[in-house]
N, C-alpha and C. Protein backbone atom coordinates (compact mmCIF):
# COMPACT_ATOMS: atom_id res chain seq x y z
N UNK A 1 -53.01 57.88 25.20
CA UNK A 1 -51.52 57.42 25.29
C UNK A 1 -51.37 58.25 26.54
N UNK A 2 -50.73 57.55 27.52
CA UNK A 2 -50.22 58.24 28.81
C UNK A 2 -48.62 58.27 28.73
N UNK A 3 -48.20 59.38 29.10
CA UNK A 3 -46.91 59.64 29.12
C UNK A 3 -46.35 60.14 30.53
N UNK A 4 -45.52 59.49 31.13
CA UNK A 4 -44.78 59.82 32.51
C UNK A 4 -43.24 59.99 32.25
N UNK A 5 -42.85 60.90 33.17
CA UNK A 5 -41.43 61.12 33.37
C UNK A 5 -41.19 60.41 34.62
N UNK A 6 -40.12 59.49 34.78
CA UNK A 6 -39.72 58.95 35.94
C UNK A 6 -38.32 59.54 36.17
N UNK A 7 -38.04 60.03 37.47
CA UNK A 7 -36.96 60.55 37.82
C UNK A 7 -36.20 59.47 38.76
N UNK A 8 -34.98 59.22 38.59
CA UNK A 8 -34.30 57.87 39.27
C UNK A 8 -33.16 58.38 39.99
N UNK A 9 -32.72 57.77 41.09
CA UNK A 9 -31.66 57.98 41.86
C UNK A 9 -31.15 56.49 41.93
N UNK A 10 -29.90 56.38 41.53
CA UNK A 10 -29.24 54.95 41.52
C UNK A 10 -28.07 54.84 42.71
N UNK A 11 -27.79 53.76 43.08
CA UNK A 11 -26.59 53.30 43.91
C UNK A 11 -25.51 54.02 43.07
N UNK A 12 -24.54 54.27 43.79
CA UNK A 12 -23.27 54.80 43.26
C UNK A 12 -22.81 54.29 41.84
N UNK A 13 -22.57 53.12 41.84
CA UNK A 13 -21.89 52.57 40.75
C UNK A 13 -22.82 51.77 39.91
N UNK A 14 -24.10 52.07 39.91
CA UNK A 14 -25.26 51.39 39.22
C UNK A 14 -25.93 52.11 37.97
N UNK A 15 -25.49 53.15 37.78
CA UNK A 15 -25.83 54.17 36.66
C UNK A 15 -26.36 53.37 35.38
N UNK A 16 -25.09 52.93 34.73
CA UNK A 16 -25.20 52.28 33.47
C UNK A 16 -25.97 51.09 33.58
N UNK A 17 -25.61 50.14 34.54
CA UNK A 17 -26.38 48.86 34.34
C UNK A 17 -28.13 48.98 34.59
N UNK A 18 -28.38 50.19 35.54
CA UNK A 18 -29.65 50.40 35.62
C UNK A 18 -30.30 51.07 34.48
N UNK A 19 -29.81 51.90 33.80
CA UNK A 19 -30.12 52.58 32.57
C UNK A 19 -30.59 51.40 31.47
N UNK A 20 -29.41 50.40 31.07
CA UNK A 20 -29.66 49.37 30.09
C UNK A 20 -30.87 48.78 30.73
N UNK A 21 -31.03 48.27 31.83
CA UNK A 21 -32.12 47.31 32.18
C UNK A 21 -33.53 48.07 32.14
N UNK A 22 -33.50 49.27 32.53
CA UNK A 22 -34.72 50.14 32.46
C UNK A 22 -35.12 50.52 30.93
N UNK A 23 -34.04 50.64 29.98
CA UNK A 23 -34.47 50.87 28.49
C UNK A 23 -34.88 49.47 27.82
N UNK A 24 -34.78 48.62 28.34
CA UNK A 24 -35.35 47.13 27.87
C UNK A 24 -36.70 46.98 28.16
N UNK A 25 -37.27 47.73 29.34
CA UNK A 25 -38.58 47.48 29.81
C UNK A 25 -39.73 48.03 28.76
N UNK A 26 -40.71 46.93 28.46
CA UNK A 26 -41.79 47.54 27.48
C UNK A 26 -42.65 48.57 28.10
N UNK A 27 -42.46 49.54 27.26
CA UNK A 27 -43.19 50.79 27.87
C UNK A 27 -42.30 52.06 27.97
N UNK A 28 -41.01 51.79 28.21
CA UNK A 28 -40.00 52.59 28.39
C UNK A 28 -39.41 53.10 27.06
N UNK A 29 -39.65 54.41 26.64
CA UNK A 29 -39.30 54.83 25.32
C UNK A 29 -37.80 55.48 25.21
N UNK A 30 -37.70 55.98 26.43
CA UNK A 30 -36.07 56.61 26.25
C UNK A 30 -35.74 56.55 27.77
N UNK A 31 -34.28 56.70 28.00
CA UNK A 31 -33.71 56.66 29.31
C UNK A 31 -32.64 57.66 29.06
N UNK A 32 -32.41 58.60 30.08
CA UNK A 32 -31.62 59.67 29.79
C UNK A 32 -30.56 59.86 31.07
N UNK A 33 -29.21 59.62 31.05
CA UNK A 33 -28.45 59.98 32.18
C UNK A 33 -28.30 61.54 32.26
N UNK A 34 -28.55 62.09 33.67
CA UNK A 34 -28.77 63.61 33.52
C UNK A 34 -27.72 63.86 34.66
N UNK A 35 -27.66 65.17 34.88
CA UNK A 35 -26.61 65.96 35.88
C UNK A 35 -27.62 66.34 37.02
N UNK A 36 -27.10 66.68 38.18
CA UNK A 36 -27.86 67.21 39.12
C UNK A 36 -28.32 66.29 40.16
N UNK A 37 -29.34 66.23 40.69
CA UNK A 37 -29.65 65.68 41.89
C UNK A 37 -30.23 64.19 41.45
N UNK A 38 -30.45 64.16 40.03
CA UNK A 38 -31.09 63.03 39.80
C UNK A 38 -29.73 62.07 38.96
N UNK A 39 -30.06 60.78 38.92
CA UNK A 39 -29.06 60.03 37.75
C UNK A 39 -29.79 59.74 36.59
N UNK A 40 -30.79 59.30 36.49
CA UNK A 40 -31.54 59.08 35.24
C UNK A 40 -32.98 59.56 35.25
N UNK A 41 -33.39 59.68 33.89
CA UNK A 41 -34.85 60.02 33.50
C UNK A 41 -35.34 59.35 32.65
N UNK A 42 -36.47 58.42 32.94
CA UNK A 42 -36.92 57.58 31.82
C UNK A 42 -38.36 58.18 31.58
N UNK A 43 -38.58 58.15 30.26
CA UNK A 43 -39.85 58.30 29.61
C UNK A 43 -40.43 57.10 29.28
N UNK A 44 -41.81 57.14 29.93
CA UNK A 44 -42.61 56.25 29.77
C UNK A 44 -43.98 56.36 28.81
N UNK A 45 -44.11 55.75 27.95
CA UNK A 45 -45.24 55.93 27.16
C UNK A 45 -46.13 54.59 27.00
N UNK A 46 -47.42 54.73 27.47
CA UNK A 46 -48.30 53.49 27.56
C UNK A 46 -49.71 53.94 27.16
N UNK A 47 -50.47 52.80 26.79
CA UNK A 47 -51.76 53.24 26.21
C UNK A 47 -52.69 53.69 27.22
N UNK A 48 -52.92 53.08 28.38
CA UNK A 48 -53.77 53.38 29.47
C UNK A 48 -52.91 53.61 30.93
N UNK A 49 -53.79 54.24 31.65
CA UNK A 49 -53.21 54.53 32.97
C UNK A 49 -52.58 53.14 33.72
N UNK A 50 -53.71 52.21 33.53
CA UNK A 50 -53.33 51.07 34.58
C UNK A 50 -51.99 50.40 33.90
N UNK A 51 -51.51 50.52 32.84
CA UNK A 51 -50.36 50.08 32.12
C UNK A 51 -49.12 50.92 32.75
N UNK A 52 -49.12 51.94 33.27
CA UNK A 52 -48.08 52.76 33.82
C UNK A 52 -47.72 51.99 35.19
N UNK A 53 -48.72 51.73 35.99
CA UNK A 53 -48.44 51.02 37.28
C UNK A 53 -47.72 49.91 36.96
N UNK A 54 -47.75 49.11 35.95
CA UNK A 54 -47.20 47.86 35.61
C UNK A 54 -45.41 48.18 35.23
N UNK A 55 -45.66 49.24 34.36
CA UNK A 55 -44.20 49.72 33.89
C UNK A 55 -43.39 50.18 35.15
N UNK A 56 -43.96 51.13 35.92
CA UNK A 56 -43.12 51.78 36.95
C UNK A 56 -43.00 50.76 38.20
N UNK A 57 -44.07 50.45 38.89
CA UNK A 57 -44.12 49.52 39.85
C UNK A 57 -43.53 48.28 39.79
N UNK A 58 -44.05 47.74 38.67
CA UNK A 58 -43.60 46.36 38.62
C UNK A 58 -42.32 46.20 37.91
N UNK A 59 -41.94 47.08 37.23
CA UNK A 59 -40.66 47.14 36.23
C UNK A 59 -39.52 47.92 36.85
N UNK A 60 -39.72 49.33 36.59
CA UNK A 60 -38.62 50.04 37.00
C UNK A 60 -38.33 50.11 38.33
N UNK A 61 -39.17 50.23 39.32
CA UNK A 61 -38.89 50.22 40.90
C UNK A 61 -38.25 48.93 41.31
N UNK A 62 -38.43 47.93 40.79
CA UNK A 62 -37.84 46.77 41.17
C UNK A 62 -36.49 46.26 40.67
N UNK A 63 -36.10 47.38 39.75
CA UNK A 63 -34.76 47.27 38.98
C UNK A 63 -33.71 47.30 40.10
N UNK A 64 -32.84 46.20 40.28
CA UNK A 64 -31.73 46.10 41.26
C UNK A 64 -30.74 47.48 40.85
N UNK A 65 -30.34 47.99 41.91
CA UNK A 65 -29.51 49.15 41.88
C UNK A 65 -30.24 50.79 41.90
N UNK A 66 -31.56 50.48 41.86
CA UNK A 66 -32.20 51.73 42.01
C UNK A 66 -32.40 52.19 43.72
N UNK A 67 -32.15 53.40 43.91
CA UNK A 67 -32.21 53.92 45.42
C UNK A 67 -33.69 54.68 45.55
N UNK A 68 -34.12 55.24 44.56
CA UNK A 68 -35.54 56.00 44.77
C UNK A 68 -35.92 56.33 43.30
N UNK A 69 -37.24 56.28 43.36
CA UNK A 69 -37.90 56.82 42.08
C UNK A 69 -39.00 57.81 42.41
N UNK A 70 -39.35 58.79 41.45
CA UNK A 70 -40.22 59.55 41.45
C UNK A 70 -41.08 60.04 40.15
N UNK A 71 -42.34 59.50 40.05
CA UNK A 71 -43.01 59.50 38.75
C UNK A 71 -44.03 60.88 38.61
N UNK A 72 -43.90 61.38 37.40
CA UNK A 72 -44.69 62.48 37.09
C UNK A 72 -45.43 62.20 35.61
N UNK A 73 -46.63 62.18 36.02
CA UNK A 73 -47.55 62.01 34.77
C UNK A 73 -47.86 63.29 33.89
N UNK A 74 -47.62 63.30 32.68
CA UNK A 74 -47.58 64.51 31.85
C UNK A 74 -49.24 64.61 31.33
N UNK A 75 -49.87 66.00 31.64
CA UNK A 75 -51.12 66.17 31.24
C UNK A 75 -51.09 66.58 29.60
N UNK A 76 -50.25 67.37 29.16
CA UNK A 76 -50.20 67.87 27.60
C UNK A 76 -48.47 67.77 27.27
N UNK A 77 -48.62 67.47 25.98
CA UNK A 77 -47.32 67.59 25.57
C UNK A 77 -47.33 68.79 24.59
N UNK A 78 -46.22 69.55 24.72
CA UNK A 78 -45.98 70.51 24.00
C UNK A 78 -44.38 70.24 23.15
N UNK A 79 -44.28 70.50 21.77
CA UNK A 79 -43.19 70.25 21.10
C UNK A 79 -42.74 71.30 20.23
N UNK A 80 -41.67 71.16 19.58
CA UNK A 80 -41.34 72.25 18.57
C UNK A 80 -42.32 72.22 17.48
N UNK A 81 -42.62 70.90 17.15
CA UNK A 81 -43.60 70.81 15.90
C UNK A 81 -45.09 71.45 16.14
N UNK A 82 -45.49 71.37 17.37
CA UNK A 82 -46.74 72.00 17.86
C UNK A 82 -46.68 73.60 17.79
N UNK A 83 -45.63 73.88 18.27
CA UNK A 83 -45.25 75.43 18.20
C UNK A 83 -45.24 75.88 16.92
N UNK A 84 -44.42 75.28 16.09
CA UNK A 84 -44.27 75.80 14.66
C UNK A 84 -45.73 75.98 14.08
N UNK A 85 -46.40 74.72 14.18
CA UNK A 85 -47.68 74.80 13.69
C UNK A 85 -48.65 75.88 14.07
N UNK A 86 -48.66 76.26 15.33
CA UNK A 86 -49.54 77.23 16.01
C UNK A 86 -49.27 78.55 15.55
N UNK A 87 -47.82 79.05 15.22
CA UNK A 87 -47.48 80.29 14.98
C UNK A 87 -47.57 80.49 13.47
N UNK A 88 -47.94 79.13 12.59
CA UNK A 88 -48.21 79.34 11.05
C UNK A 88 -49.46 79.49 10.90
N UNK A 89 -50.42 79.63 11.73
CA UNK A 89 -51.84 79.68 11.33
C UNK A 89 -52.06 81.06 10.85
N UNK A 90 -52.67 80.92 9.58
CA UNK A 90 -53.02 82.03 8.72
C UNK A 90 -51.95 82.69 7.90
N UNK A 91 -50.74 82.23 7.89
CA UNK A 91 -49.58 82.68 7.05
C UNK A 91 -49.52 82.01 5.59
N UNK A 92 -50.41 81.32 5.30
CA UNK A 92 -50.30 80.64 3.85
C UNK A 92 -50.78 81.52 3.09
């Protein structure tokens, strides 16, 4: 599984429409509206790296209302569940 975070800047009045359009793209698991320099962050989860190009380049980046995207591929996932498991070793 390949996970990527796509940072998205939209045109001024396009945030809601862009978010809804991106959320409907296969491979996009979540879209968050955020504060700061970005407007949206999309979480993309695909089976293989080649699929990532299809989702980001052929899907997200071609969405009307997007001004700029920046994609970051995740190397490793850390979650609260993983941390709880690690700290629980030997405590049974």
